[in-house]
Amino acid sequence: MPQLNPAPWLMILVFSWTTFLAIVPPKVMAHQFPNEPTPRSTEKLTKDSWNWPWY
């Protein structure tokens, strides 16, 4: 049965994954966000307790 011969398919698998891993990660890692996130203000927010009139 020729399907059970791993010689051609193993090399196709190895070469395709090598190509995939050589091309895709550099493209993904080089991605730049168009808008850098702005830092939030450093002032502390006051946490007032709520007045629940029905409790």
Protein backbone atom coordinates (compact mmCIF):
# COMPACT_ATOMS: atom_id res chain seq x y z
CA MET A 1 0.00 0.00 0.00
CA PRO A 2 1.71 3.23 -1.09
CA GLN A 3 -0.04 5.35 1.58
CA LEU A 4 1.97 3.63 4.29
CA ASN A 5 5.30 4.61 2.80
CA PRO A 6 6.29 7.67 4.88
CA ALA A 7 9.27 8.66 2.75
CA PRO A 8 7.67 11.29 0.45
CA TRP A 9 5.02 12.54 2.91
CA LEU A 10 7.37 12.97 5.84
CA MET A 11 9.68 15.22 3.84
CA ILE A 12 6.71 17.21 2.49
CA LEU A 13 5.50 17.69 6.06
CA VAL A 14 8.93 18.74 7.31
CA PHE A 15 9.56 21.17 4.45
CA SER A 16 6.10 22.70 4.65
CA TRP A 17 6.42 23.30 8.42
CA THR A 18 9.94 24.65 7.99
CA THR A 19 8.68 27.09 5.37
CA PHE A 20 5.70 28.02 7.51
CA LEU A 21 7.83 28.64 10.59
CA ALA A 22 10.41 30.61 8.63
CA ILE A 23 7.87 32.99 7.06
CA VAL A 24 4.99 33.51 9.48
CA PRO A 25 6.60 34.29 12.89
CA PRO A 26 8.77 37.17 11.63
CA LYS A 27 5.71 38.70 9.95
CA VAL A 28 3.66 38.39 13.12
CA MET A 29 6.42 39.71 15.37
CA ALA A 30 6.99 42.70 13.09
CA HIS A 31 3.37 43.79 13.43
CA GLN A 32 2.95 47.32 14.77
CA PHE A 33 -0.23 48.66 16.29
CA PRO A 34 -1.41 51.82 14.54
CA ASN A 35 -2.27 53.55 17.83
CA GLU A 36 -0.08 53.06 20.84
CA PRO A 37 -2.10 52.86 24.06
CA THR A 38 -1.99 56.02 26.14
CA PRO A 39 -1.11 55.68 29.82
CA ARG A 40 -3.89 56.37 32.25
CA SER A 41 -3.65 59.13 34.79
CA THR A 42 -1.90 58.26 38.02
CA GLU A 43 -4.38 59.96 40.33
CA LYS A 44 -6.23 57.72 42.77
CA LEU A 45 -9.95 57.36 42.31
CA THR A 46 -12.07 57.81 45.41
CA LYS A 47 -14.15 54.80 46.26
CA ASP A 48 -17.22 56.09 48.06
CA SER A 49 -19.62 53.62 49.58
CA TRP A 50 -23.06 53.56 48.07
CA ASN A 51 -26.11 54.52 50.04
CA TRP A 52 -28.76 51.87 49.46
CA PRO A 53 -32.03 53.30 50.76
CA TRP A 54 -33.96 50.01 50.40
CA TYR A 55 -31.55 47.89 52.41
